[in-house]
Amino acid sequence: MIAHLHGNVTRHRPGEVTVDVNGVGYRVLVPLDVWEQLEEGAATKLWIATYVREDRFDLFGFLSQHSRTLFEELLGIPGIGPRTALEICSVPRGLIGMAIREQDPGTLTSIKGIGKKTAEKLLLELKSLAEKLPALFMGTETGGAKTAFDPDAVAALESLGYDAPTIAHALKSLPADLASTEDRVAAALRSL
């Protein structure tokens, strides 16, 4: 198995990069938040999860070992495939942690490929995983944490039809000085 790749990154369509390691290009699928952080042509180290089936051989890349572990644990849950696991990994850990604490399936149903029943089952699995490996759900964002995880702003954007990764990205990039939920929602809508 491939544990990690260190090389120059070429970004392609969102969620897909090529990592050039000594002249060999590896096609790697990454969560959208990782794709946005990677700089074109920059040397980067990605932690790799290899997904092999009789009809496919895919590499999934992450910036931390915790993210890779979360992805691999998600694949072990019945009904969760690699694309859905990748979508879940695009959502900030703090937001997933909040959904687990509040047992709120709404956050998970906004993720592409997850319906209400799957979200409820997934919450139980994630709660068990959080008890076993709590470090996986520690929020890694710094500054503006209130902005990124304002539950009322998230709910308002969900009601407008936006999915969790899009909402997380929009709220994460807002200035920290926005005082009210209404201001955060309005600013997020302008950025979408």
N, C-alpha and C. Protein backbone atom coordinates (compact mmCIF):
# COMPACT_ATOMS: atom_id res chain seq x y z
N MET A 1 0.83 -1.19 0.00
CA MET A 1 0.00 0.00 0.00
C MET A 1 0.88 1.26 0.00
N ILE A 2 0.34 2.31 -0.53
CA ILE A 2 1.03 3.59 -0.55
C ILE A 2 0.62 4.35 0.71
N ALA A 3 1.59 4.74 1.54
CA ALA A 3 1.30 5.44 2.80
C ALA A 3 1.21 6.95 2.60
N HIS A 4 2.12 7.50 1.81
CA HIS A 4 2.08 8.94 1.53
C HIS A 4 2.84 9.22 0.24
N LEU A 5 2.54 10.37 -0.34
CA LEU A 5 3.25 10.84 -1.53
C LEU A 5 3.78 12.23 -1.25
N HIS A 6 5.02 12.48 -1.69
CA HIS A 6 5.61 13.81 -1.53
C HIS A 6 6.10 14.23 -2.91
N GLY A 7 5.49 15.27 -3.45
CA GLY A 7 5.88 15.74 -4.77
C GLY A 7 5.16 17.02 -5.14
N ASN A 8 5.34 17.45 -6.37
CA ASN A 8 4.71 18.67 -6.86
C ASN A 8 3.29 18.39 -7.30
N VAL A 9 2.39 19.29 -6.94
CA VAL A 9 0.96 19.10 -7.18
C VAL A 9 0.51 19.87 -8.41
N THR A 10 -0.30 19.20 -9.24
CA THR A 10 -1.01 19.86 -10.33
C THR A 10 -2.49 19.71 -10.04
N ARG A 11 -3.18 20.82 -9.90
CA ARG A 11 -4.62 20.76 -9.61
C ARG A 11 -5.39 20.59 -10.91
N HIS A 12 -6.40 19.76 -10.86
CA HIS A 12 -7.29 19.56 -12.01
C HIS A 12 -8.68 20.05 -11.61
N ARG A 13 -9.69 19.32 -12.00
CA ARG A 13 -11.04 19.71 -11.59
C ARG A 13 -11.12 19.60 -10.06
N PRO A 14 -12.07 20.30 -9.44
CA PRO A 14 -12.16 20.27 -7.98
C PRO A 14 -12.22 18.84 -7.44
N GLY A 15 -11.37 18.57 -6.47
CA GLY A 15 -11.33 17.26 -5.85
C GLY A 15 -10.35 16.29 -6.47
N GLU A 16 -9.60 16.73 -7.47
CA GLU A 16 -8.66 15.83 -8.14
C GLU A 16 -7.34 16.55 -8.41
N VAL A 17 -6.25 15.89 -8.05
CA VAL A 17 -4.92 16.44 -8.29
C VAL A 17 -4.01 15.34 -8.84
N THR A 18 -2.90 15.76 -9.41
CA THR A 18 -1.83 14.84 -9.77
C THR A 18 -0.63 15.22 -8.92
N VAL A 19 -0.02 14.23 -8.28
CA VAL A 19 1.20 14.46 -7.51
C VAL A 19 2.35 13.85 -8.30
N ASP A 20 3.27 14.69 -8.75
CA ASP A 20 4.42 14.25 -9.52
C ASP A 20 5.55 13.90 -8.55
N VAL A 21 5.86 12.61 -8.46
CA VAL A 21 6.93 12.13 -7.58
C VAL A 21 8.04 11.58 -8.47
N ASN A 22 9.11 12.35 -8.61
CA ASN A 22 10.26 11.95 -9.43
C ASN A 22 9.86 11.51 -10.83
N GLY A 23 8.99 12.27 -11.47
CA GLY A 23 8.60 12.00 -12.84
C GLY A 23 7.43 11.06 -13.02
N VAL A 24 6.91 10.51 -11.93
CA VAL A 24 5.74 9.65 -12.01
C VAL A 24 4.55 10.42 -11.43
N GLY A 25 3.49 10.56 -12.23
CA GLY A 25 2.32 11.29 -11.78
C GLY A 25 1.26 10.37 -11.21
N TYR A 26 0.87 10.63 -9.97
CA TYR A 26 -0.18 9.84 -9.31
C TYR A 26 -1.45 10.66 -9.26
N ARG A 27 -2.54 10.10 -9.80
CA ARG A 27 -3.83 10.77 -9.75
C ARG A 27 -4.42 10.51 -8.36
N VAL A 28 -4.72 11.58 -7.64
CA VAL A 28 -5.20 11.47 -6.27
C VAL A 28 -6.50 12.27 -6.12
N LEU A 29 -7.49 11.64 -5.52
CA LEU A 29 -8.75 12.31 -5.21
C LEU A 29 -8.64 12.86 -3.80
N VAL A 30 -9.04 14.11 -3.62
CA VAL A 30 -8.90 14.78 -2.32
C VAL A 30 -10.21 15.47 -1.95
N PRO A 31 -10.45 15.68 -0.64
CA PRO A 31 -11.63 16.46 -0.24
C PRO A 31 -11.51 17.88 -0.79
N LEU A 32 -12.63 18.54 -0.99
CA LEU A 32 -12.62 19.88 -1.57
C LEU A 32 -11.83 20.88 -0.75
N ASP A 33 -11.89 20.79 0.58
CA ASP A 33 -11.13 21.73 1.40
C ASP A 33 -9.63 21.54 1.22
N VAL A 34 -9.20 20.30 1.01
CA VAL A 34 -7.78 20.03 0.74
C VAL A 34 -7.40 20.58 -0.63
N TRP A 35 -8.25 20.35 -1.62
CA TRP A 35 -7.99 20.82 -2.98
C TRP A 35 -7.78 22.34 -2.99
N GLU A 36 -8.61 23.04 -2.21
CA GLU A 36 -8.50 24.50 -2.16
C GLU A 36 -7.21 24.97 -1.50
N GLN A 37 -6.68 24.18 -0.57
CA GLN A 37 -5.45 24.57 0.13
C GLN A 37 -4.19 24.29 -0.66
N LEU A 38 -4.24 23.35 -1.59
CA LEU A 38 -3.05 22.96 -2.35
C LEU A 38 -2.70 24.04 -3.37
N GLU A 39 -1.42 24.34 -3.45
CA GLU A 39 -0.95 25.34 -4.41
C GLU A 39 -0.41 24.64 -5.65
N GLU A 40 -0.79 25.14 -6.80
CA GLU A 40 -0.33 24.60 -8.08
C GLU A 40 1.19 24.64 -8.14
N GLY A 41 1.81 23.48 -8.41
CA GLY A 41 3.25 23.39 -8.57
C GLY A 41 4.04 23.31 -7.28
N ALA A 42 3.39 23.44 -6.13
CA ALA A 42 4.10 23.41 -4.86
C ALA A 42 4.38 21.98 -4.42
N ALA A 43 5.50 21.80 -3.74
CA ALA A 43 5.81 20.48 -3.18
C ALA A 43 4.91 20.26 -1.98
N THR A 44 4.24 19.13 -1.96
CA THR A 44 3.27 18.81 -0.92
C THR A 44 3.38 17.36 -0.52
N LYS A 45 3.06 17.09 0.74
CA LYS A 45 3.00 15.71 1.21
C LYS A 45 1.53 15.39 1.49
N LEU A 46 1.04 14.33 0.85
CA LEU A 46 -0.33 13.87 1.07
C LEU A 46 -0.30 12.48 1.69
N TRP A 47 -1.08 12.29 2.74
CA TRP A 47 -1.26 10.97 3.33
C TRP A 47 -2.28 10.24 2.49
N ILE A 48 -1.97 9.04 2.07
CA ILE A 48 -2.76 8.33 1.06
C ILE A 48 -3.53 7.15 1.65
N ALA A 49 -4.79 7.05 1.25
CA ALA A 49 -5.61 5.87 1.51
C ALA A 49 -5.82 5.21 0.14
N THR A 50 -5.44 3.95 0.04
CA THR A 50 -5.57 3.22 -1.22
C THR A 50 -6.86 2.42 -1.20
N TYR A 51 -7.65 2.57 -2.24
CA TYR A 51 -8.94 1.87 -2.34
C TYR A 51 -8.88 0.95 -3.55
N VAL A 52 -8.90 -0.35 -3.29
CA VAL A 52 -8.77 -1.33 -4.37
C VAL A 52 -10.01 -2.22 -4.40
N ARG A 53 -10.59 -2.34 -5.58
CA ARG A 53 -11.69 -3.26 -5.84
C ARG A 53 -11.39 -3.93 -7.17
N GLU A 54 -12.15 -4.93 -7.53
CA GLU A 54 -11.86 -5.65 -8.77
C GLU A 54 -11.90 -4.76 -10.00
N ASP A 55 -12.68 -3.68 -9.95
CA ASP A 55 -12.82 -2.82 -11.12
C ASP A 55 -12.20 -1.43 -10.94
N ARG A 56 -11.50 -1.20 -9.81
CA ARG A 56 -10.93 0.13 -9.61
C ARG A 56 -9.75 0.10 -8.65
N PHE A 57 -8.89 1.08 -8.82
CA PHE A 57 -7.73 1.28 -7.96
C PHE A 57 -7.59 2.79 -7.81
N ASP A 58 -8.04 3.32 -6.68
CA ASP A 58 -8.05 4.77 -6.47
C ASP A 58 -7.16 5.15 -5.29
N LEU A 59 -6.57 6.33 -5.40
CA LEU A 59 -5.80 6.90 -4.30
C LEU A 59 -6.55 8.12 -3.78
N PHE A 60 -6.68 8.21 -2.47
CA PHE A 60 -7.34 9.34 -1.83
C PHE A 60 -6.32 10.02 -0.93
N GLY A 61 -6.17 11.33 -1.06
CA GLY A 61 -5.14 12.06 -0.34
C GLY A 61 -5.67 13.02 0.70
N PHE A 62 -4.90 13.15 1.78
CA PHE A 62 -5.28 14.00 2.91
C PHE A 62 -4.05 14.71 3.44
N LEU A 63 -4.25 15.85 4.09
CA LEU A 63 -3.13 16.62 4.61
C LEU A 63 -2.67 16.14 5.97
N SER A 64 -3.48 15.31 6.65
CA SER A 64 -3.08 14.80 7.96
C SER A 64 -3.42 13.32 8.09
N GLN A 65 -2.73 12.68 9.00
CA GLN A 65 -3.00 11.27 9.26
C GLN A 65 -4.39 11.09 9.88
N HIS A 66 -4.82 12.07 10.70
CA HIS A 66 -6.16 11.98 11.31
C HIS A 66 -7.25 11.95 10.24
N SER A 67 -7.10 12.78 9.21
CA SER A 67 -8.10 12.81 8.14
C SER A 67 -8.12 11.49 7.38
N ARG A 68 -6.93 10.96 7.13
CA ARG A 68 -6.86 9.66 6.44
C ARG A 68 -7.51 8.57 7.30
N THR A 69 -7.25 8.59 8.59
CA THR A 69 -7.85 7.59 9.49
C THR A 69 -9.36 7.72 9.50
N LEU A 70 -9.87 8.95 9.55
CA LEU A 70 -11.32 9.15 9.51
C LEU A 70 -11.90 8.57 8.23
N PHE A 71 -11.27 8.84 7.10
CA PHE A 71 -11.72 8.31 5.82
C PHE A 71 -11.77 6.79 5.84
N GLU A 72 -10.70 6.16 6.33
CA GLU A 72 -10.64 4.70 6.37
C GLU A 72 -11.70 4.12 7.32
N GLU A 73 -11.94 4.80 8.44
CA GLU A 73 -12.98 4.35 9.37
C GLU A 73 -14.37 4.48 8.74
N LEU A 74 -14.58 5.56 7.99
CA LEU A 74 -15.88 5.76 7.32
C LEU A 74 -16.13 4.66 6.30
N LEU A 75 -15.08 4.22 5.61
CA LEU A 75 -15.24 3.14 4.62
C LEU A 75 -15.68 1.84 5.27
N GLY A 76 -15.39 1.67 6.54
CA GLY A 76 -15.79 0.47 7.26
C GLY A 76 -17.25 0.45 7.68
N ILE A 77 -17.95 1.57 7.49
CA ILE A 77 -19.36 1.66 7.86
C ILE A 77 -20.19 1.17 6.68
N PRO A 78 -21.09 0.21 6.91
CA PRO A 78 -21.92 -0.30 5.81
C PRO A 78 -22.72 0.84 5.14
N GLY A 79 -22.71 0.84 3.83
CA GLY A 79 -23.47 1.85 3.07
C GLY A 79 -22.68 3.10 2.74
N ILE A 80 -21.45 3.22 3.25
CA ILE A 80 -20.62 4.39 2.97
C ILE A 80 -19.50 3.97 2.02
N GLY A 81 -19.54 4.53 0.82
CA GLY A 81 -18.50 4.26 -0.17
C GLY A 81 -17.45 5.35 -0.15
N PRO A 82 -16.44 5.24 -1.01
CA PRO A 82 -15.35 6.21 -0.99
C PRO A 82 -15.77 7.64 -1.34
N ARG A 83 -16.69 7.80 -2.28
CA ARG A 83 -17.11 9.16 -2.64
C ARG A 83 -17.84 9.84 -1.49
N THR A 84 -18.73 9.09 -0.82
CA THR A 84 -19.47 9.66 0.31
C THR A 84 -18.51 9.93 1.47
N ALA A 85 -17.57 9.02 1.72
CA ALA A 85 -16.59 9.23 2.78
C ALA A 85 -15.76 10.48 2.50
N LEU A 86 -15.41 10.71 1.24
CA LEU A 86 -14.65 11.89 0.86
C LEU A 86 -15.46 13.16 1.09
N GLU A 87 -16.76 13.11 0.77
CA GLU A 87 -17.64 14.25 1.03
C GLU A 87 -17.70 14.57 2.52
N ILE A 88 -17.79 13.52 3.35
CA ILE A 88 -17.84 13.73 4.80
C ILE A 88 -16.54 14.34 5.28
N CYS A 89 -15.42 13.91 4.72
CA CYS A 89 -14.11 14.44 5.12
C CYS A 89 -13.94 15.91 4.70
N SER A 90 -14.77 16.40 3.79
CA SER A 90 -14.71 17.81 3.38
C SER A 90 -15.35 18.72 4.41
N VAL A 91 -16.18 18.15 5.28
CA VAL A 91 -16.88 18.94 6.30
C VAL A 91 -15.93 19.15 7.48
N PRO A 92 -15.82 20.37 8.00
CA PRO A 92 -14.93 20.61 9.15
C PRO A 92 -15.26 19.68 10.32
N ARG A 93 -14.22 19.18 10.98
CA ARG A 93 -14.41 18.24 12.08
C ARG A 93 -15.27 18.83 13.19
N GLY A 94 -15.11 20.13 13.45
CA GLY A 94 -15.92 20.77 14.49
C GLY A 94 -17.41 20.70 14.19
N LEU A 95 -17.76 20.83 12.92
CA LEU A 95 -19.16 20.75 12.50
C LEU A 95 -19.68 19.33 12.66
N ILE A 96 -18.86 18.34 12.31
CA ILE A 96 -19.26 16.94 12.50
C ILE A 96 -19.38 16.64 13.99
N GLY A 97 -18.43 17.14 14.77
CA GLY A 97 -18.47 16.94 16.22
C GLY A 97 -19.72 17.52 16.83
N MET A 98 -20.11 18.72 16.36
CA MET A 98 -21.33 19.35 16.85
C MET A 98 -22.55 18.50 16.49
N ALA A 99 -22.59 17.96 15.28
CA ALA A 99 -23.71 17.10 14.87
C ALA A 99 -23.78 15.85 15.73
N ILE A 100 -22.62 15.31 16.08
CA ILE A 100 -22.58 14.11 16.94
C ILE A 100 -23.09 14.45 18.33
N ARG A 101 -22.60 15.55 18.92
CA ARG A 101 -23.02 15.94 20.28
C ARG A 101 -24.52 16.21 20.35
N GLU A 102 -25.04 16.89 19.32
CA GLU A 102 -26.46 17.26 19.33
C GLU A 102 -27.35 16.19 18.69
N GLN A 103 -26.71 15.11 18.18
CA GLN A 103 -27.45 14.06 17.46
C GLN A 103 -28.36 14.69 16.40
N ASP A 104 -27.76 15.57 15.60
CA ASP A 104 -28.48 16.32 14.57
C ASP A 104 -28.19 15.74 13.19
N PRO A 105 -29.14 14.95 12.65
CA PRO A 105 -28.90 14.37 11.32
C PRO A 105 -28.95 15.41 10.19
N GLY A 106 -29.46 16.61 10.46
CA GLY A 106 -29.58 17.64 9.43
C GLY A 106 -28.25 18.02 8.80
N THR A 107 -27.22 18.08 9.61
CA THR A 107 -25.89 18.41 9.09
C THR A 107 -25.43 17.36 8.09
N LEU A 108 -25.68 16.10 8.43
CA LEU A 108 -25.22 15.01 7.56
C LEU A 108 -26.09 14.84 6.32
N THR A 109 -27.39 15.14 6.43
CA THR A 109 -28.26 14.98 5.25
C THR A 109 -27.94 16.02 4.18
N SER A 110 -27.24 17.08 4.56
CA SER A 110 -26.87 18.08 3.56
C SER A 110 -25.67 17.63 2.73
N ILE A 111 -25.05 16.52 3.12
CA ILE A 111 -23.91 15.98 2.38
C ILE A 111 -24.44 15.12 1.23
N LYS A 112 -23.88 15.33 0.07
CA LYS A 112 -24.29 14.59 -1.13
C LYS A 112 -24.19 13.08 -0.89
N GLY A 113 -25.29 12.37 -1.16
CA GLY A 113 -25.30 10.92 -1.05
C GLY A 113 -25.80 10.39 0.28
N ILE A 114 -26.20 11.29 1.21
CA ILE A 114 -26.66 10.84 2.52
C ILE A 114 -28.10 11.29 2.74
N GLY A 115 -28.98 10.30 2.92
CA GLY A 115 -30.38 10.58 3.22
C GLY A 115 -30.62 10.56 4.72
N LYS A 116 -31.87 10.74 5.12
CA LYS A 116 -32.20 10.84 6.54
C LYS A 116 -31.87 9.55 7.31
N LYS A 117 -32.27 8.39 6.79
CA LYS A 117 -32.01 7.14 7.50
C LYS A 117 -30.50 6.85 7.60
N THR A 118 -29.80 7.09 6.50
CA THR A 118 -28.35 6.89 6.51
C THR A 118 -27.70 7.84 7.51
N ALA A 119 -28.18 9.09 7.56
CA ALA A 119 -27.62 10.08 8.49
C ALA A 119 -27.82 9.64 9.94
N GLU A 120 -29.00 9.13 10.26
CA GLU A 120 -29.27 8.69 11.63
C GLU A 120 -28.37 7.52 12.01
N LYS A 121 -28.21 6.57 11.08
CA LYS A 121 -27.33 5.42 11.33
C LYS A 121 -25.88 5.88 11.43
N LEU A 122 -25.51 6.80 10.57
CA LEU A 122 -24.14 7.31 10.55
C LEU A 122 -23.81 8.04 11.85
N LEU A 123 -24.77 8.77 12.41
CA LEU A 123 -24.55 9.47 13.67
C LEU A 123 -24.19 8.49 14.79
N LEU A 124 -24.87 7.36 14.82
CA LEU A 124 -24.56 6.34 15.83
C LEU A 124 -23.14 5.80 15.65
N GLU A 125 -22.79 5.52 14.39
CA GLU A 125 -21.44 5.02 14.10
C GLU A 125 -20.38 6.07 14.44
N LEU A 126 -20.65 7.34 14.10
CA LEU A 126 -19.70 8.40 14.37
C LEU A 126 -19.55 8.64 15.87
N LYS A 127 -20.65 8.50 16.62
CA LYS A 127 -20.58 8.67 18.07
C LYS A 127 -19.66 7.61 18.67
N SER A 128 -19.82 6.37 18.21
CA SER A 128 -18.96 5.29 18.67
C SER A 128 -17.50 5.55 18.30
N LEU A 129 -17.29 6.01 17.08
CA LEU A 129 -15.94 6.32 16.61
C LEU A 129 -15.33 7.46 17.41
N ALA A 130 -16.14 8.49 17.74
CA ALA A 130 -15.65 9.63 18.52
C ALA A 130 -15.25 9.20 19.93
N GLU A 131 -15.95 8.21 20.49
CA GLU A 131 -15.59 7.71 21.81
C GLU A 131 -14.28 6.92 21.74
N LYS A 132 -14.10 6.19 20.64
CA LYS A 132 -12.91 5.36 20.46
C LYS A 132 -11.68 6.20 20.07
N LEU A 133 -11.87 7.16 19.15
CA LEU A 133 -10.78 8.00 18.64
C LEU A 133 -11.19 9.48 18.68
N PRO A 134 -11.23 10.10 19.87
CA PRO A 134 -11.72 11.48 19.97
C PRO A 134 -10.90 12.50 19.18
N ALA A 135 -9.63 12.23 18.95
CA ALA A 135 -8.78 13.19 18.22
C ALA A 135 -9.25 13.41 16.78
N LEU A 136 -9.99 12.46 16.22
CA LEU A 136 -10.45 12.60 14.84
C LEU A 136 -11.44 13.75 14.67
N PHE A 137 -12.12 14.13 15.74
CA PHE A 137 -13.16 15.14 15.63
C PHE A 137 -12.82 16.45 16.31
N MET A 138 -11.57 16.62 16.65
CA MET A 138 -11.12 17.88 17.21
C MET A 138 -11.09 18.90 16.09
N GLY A 139 -11.69 20.07 16.31
CA GLY A 139 -11.66 21.12 15.30
C GLY A 139 -10.25 21.62 15.13
N THR A 140 -9.76 21.67 13.90
CA THR A 140 -8.40 22.14 13.64
C THR A 140 -8.38 23.58 13.16
N GLU A 141 -9.54 24.18 12.98
CA GLU A 141 -9.60 25.54 12.49
C GLU A 141 -9.16 26.50 13.59
N THR A 142 -8.49 27.56 13.20
CA THR A 142 -8.09 28.56 14.17
C THR A 142 -8.70 29.88 13.77
N GLY A 143 -9.05 30.67 14.77
CA GLY A 143 -9.63 31.98 14.49
C GLY A 143 -10.94 31.87 13.76
N GLY A 144 -11.89 32.67 14.10
CA GLY A 144 -13.18 32.67 13.43
C GLY A 144 -13.96 31.39 13.63
N ALA A 145 -13.68 30.64 14.70
CA ALA A 145 -14.38 29.38 14.91
C ALA A 145 -15.87 29.60 15.08
N LYS A 146 -16.23 30.69 15.71
CA LYS A 146 -17.65 30.99 15.89
C LYS A 146 -18.32 31.19 14.54
N THR A 147 -17.64 31.86 13.64
CA THR A 147 -18.19 32.07 12.31
C THR A 147 -18.39 30.76 11.57
N ALA A 148 -17.39 29.90 11.62
CA ALA A 148 -17.47 28.66 10.86
C ALA A 148 -18.54 27.72 11.40
N PHE A 149 -18.81 27.78 12.72
CA PHE A 149 -19.71 26.81 13.30
C PHE A 149 -20.96 27.42 13.90
N ASP A 150 -21.37 28.55 13.42
CA ASP A 150 -22.61 29.17 13.87
C ASP A 150 -23.76 28.28 13.39
N PRO A 151 -24.39 27.53 14.31
CA PRO A 151 -25.41 26.57 13.87
C PRO A 151 -26.61 27.22 13.18
N ASP A 152 -26.95 28.45 13.58
CA ASP A 152 -28.08 29.12 12.94
C ASP A 152 -27.75 29.51 11.50
N ALA A 153 -26.51 29.95 11.28
CA ALA A 153 -26.09 30.28 9.91
C ALA A 153 -26.05 29.03 9.04
N VAL A 154 -25.55 27.93 9.61
CA VAL A 154 -25.51 26.67 8.88
C VAL A 154 -26.92 26.24 8.51
N ALA A 155 -27.84 26.30 9.48
CA ALA A 155 -29.23 25.90 9.23
C ALA A 155 -29.88 26.77 8.16
N ALA A 156 -29.62 28.07 8.21
CA ALA A 156 -30.21 28.98 7.22
C ALA A 156 -29.72 28.65 5.81
N LEU A 157 -28.42 28.39 5.67
CA LEU A 157 -27.87 28.08 4.35
C LEU A 157 -28.33 26.70 3.87
N GLU A 158 -28.48 25.75 4.81
CA GLU A 158 -29.02 24.43 4.44
C GLU A 158 -30.44 24.57 3.91
N SER A 159 -31.23 25.43 4.56
CA SER A 159 -32.62 25.59 4.12
C SER A 159 -32.70 26.21 2.72
N LEU A 160 -31.63 26.89 2.32
CA LEU A 160 -31.59 27.47 0.97
C LEU A 160 -31.06 26.47 -0.06
N GLY A 161 -30.72 25.26 0.40
CA GLY A 161 -30.34 24.20 -0.53
C GLY A 161 -28.85 23.98 -0.72
N TYR A 162 -28.01 24.65 0.08
CA TYR A 162 -26.57 24.45 -0.05
C TYR A 162 -26.14 23.22 0.72
N ASP A 163 -25.11 22.51 0.21
CA ASP A 163 -24.63 21.31 0.90
C ASP A 163 -23.57 21.67 1.94
N ALA A 164 -23.27 20.73 2.84
CA ALA A 164 -22.38 20.99 3.97
C ALA A 164 -20.99 21.46 3.57
N PRO A 165 -20.32 20.83 2.59
CA PRO A 165 -18.98 21.33 2.23
C PRO A 165 -19.01 22.77 1.70
N THR A 166 -20.03 23.11 0.92
CA THR A 166 -20.15 24.47 0.38
C THR A 166 -20.38 25.46 1.51
N ILE A 167 -21.26 25.10 2.45
CA ILE A 167 -21.55 25.96 3.59
C ILE A 167 -20.30 26.16 4.43
N ALA A 168 -19.62 25.06 4.73
CA ALA A 168 -18.42 25.14 5.56
C ALA A 168 -17.37 26.05 4.92
N HIS A 169 -17.17 25.89 3.63
CA HIS A 169 -16.18 26.73 2.94
C HIS A 169 -16.59 28.20 2.99
N ALA A 170 -17.86 28.48 2.72
CA ALA A 170 -18.33 29.87 2.70
C ALA A 170 -18.20 30.51 4.08
N LEU A 171 -18.60 29.80 5.12
CA LEU A 171 -18.55 30.38 6.47
C LEU A 171 -17.13 30.48 7.00
N LYS A 172 -16.29 29.53 6.64
CA LYS A 172 -14.91 29.52 7.11
C LYS A 172 -14.14 30.73 6.57
N SER A 173 -14.50 31.18 5.39
CA SER A 173 -13.74 32.27 4.77
C SER A 173 -14.25 33.67 5.15
N LEU A 174 -15.24 33.74 6.02
CA LEU A 174 -15.80 35.04 6.42
C LEU A 174 -14.91 35.72 7.46
N PRO A 175 -14.94 37.06 7.48
CA PRO A 175 -14.19 37.77 8.53
C PRO A 175 -14.78 37.46 9.91
N ALA A 176 -13.94 37.42 10.92
CA ALA A 176 -14.37 37.07 12.27
C ALA A 176 -15.18 38.17 12.95
N ASP A 177 -15.17 39.39 12.39
CA ASP A 177 -15.83 40.50 13.07
C ASP A 177 -17.33 40.62 12.76
N LEU A 178 -17.90 39.70 12.00
CA LEU A 178 -19.34 39.76 11.71
C LEU A 178 -20.10 39.42 12.99
N ALA A 179 -20.97 40.33 13.42
CA ALA A 179 -21.58 40.23 14.75
C ALA A 179 -22.78 39.29 14.83
N SER A 180 -23.59 39.24 13.78
CA SER A 180 -24.83 38.48 13.89
C SER A 180 -24.90 37.36 12.86
N THR A 181 -25.80 36.43 13.13
CA THR A 181 -26.04 35.33 12.19
C THR A 181 -26.49 35.88 10.84
N GLU A 182 -27.36 36.91 10.87
CA GLU A 182 -27.85 37.49 9.62
C GLU A 182 -26.71 38.04 8.77
N ASP A 183 -25.77 38.71 9.43
CA ASP A 183 -24.60 39.25 8.70
C ASP A 183 -23.76 38.14 8.09
N ARG A 184 -23.58 37.05 8.86
CA ARG A 184 -22.79 35.92 8.35
C ARG A 184 -23.48 35.25 7.17
N VAL A 185 -24.80 35.06 7.27
CA VAL A 185 -25.54 34.44 6.17
C VAL A 185 -25.48 35.32 4.92
N ALA A 186 -25.70 36.62 5.10
CA ALA A 186 -25.67 37.53 3.96
C ALA A 186 -24.29 37.55 3.29
N ALA A 187 -23.24 37.59 4.11
CA ALA A 187 -21.88 37.59 3.56
C ALA A 187 -21.58 36.27 2.86
N ALA A 188 -22.03 35.18 3.45
CA ALA A 188 -21.81 33.85 2.83
C ALA A 188 -22.52 33.76 1.49
N LEU A 189 -23.74 34.27 1.43
CA LEU A 189 -24.50 34.24 0.16
C LEU A 189 -23.80 35.07 -0.91
N ARG A 190 -23.22 36.19 -0.52
CA ARG A 190 -22.49 37.00 -1.50
C ARG A 190 -21.26 36.27 -2.03
N SER A 191 -20.66 35.44 -1.20
CA SER A 191 -19.45 34.74 -1.62
C SER A 191 -19.73 33.48 -2.43
N LEU A 192 -20.98 33.01 -2.40
CA LEU A 192 -21.32 31.77 -3.14
C LEU A 192 -21.63 32.05 -4.59
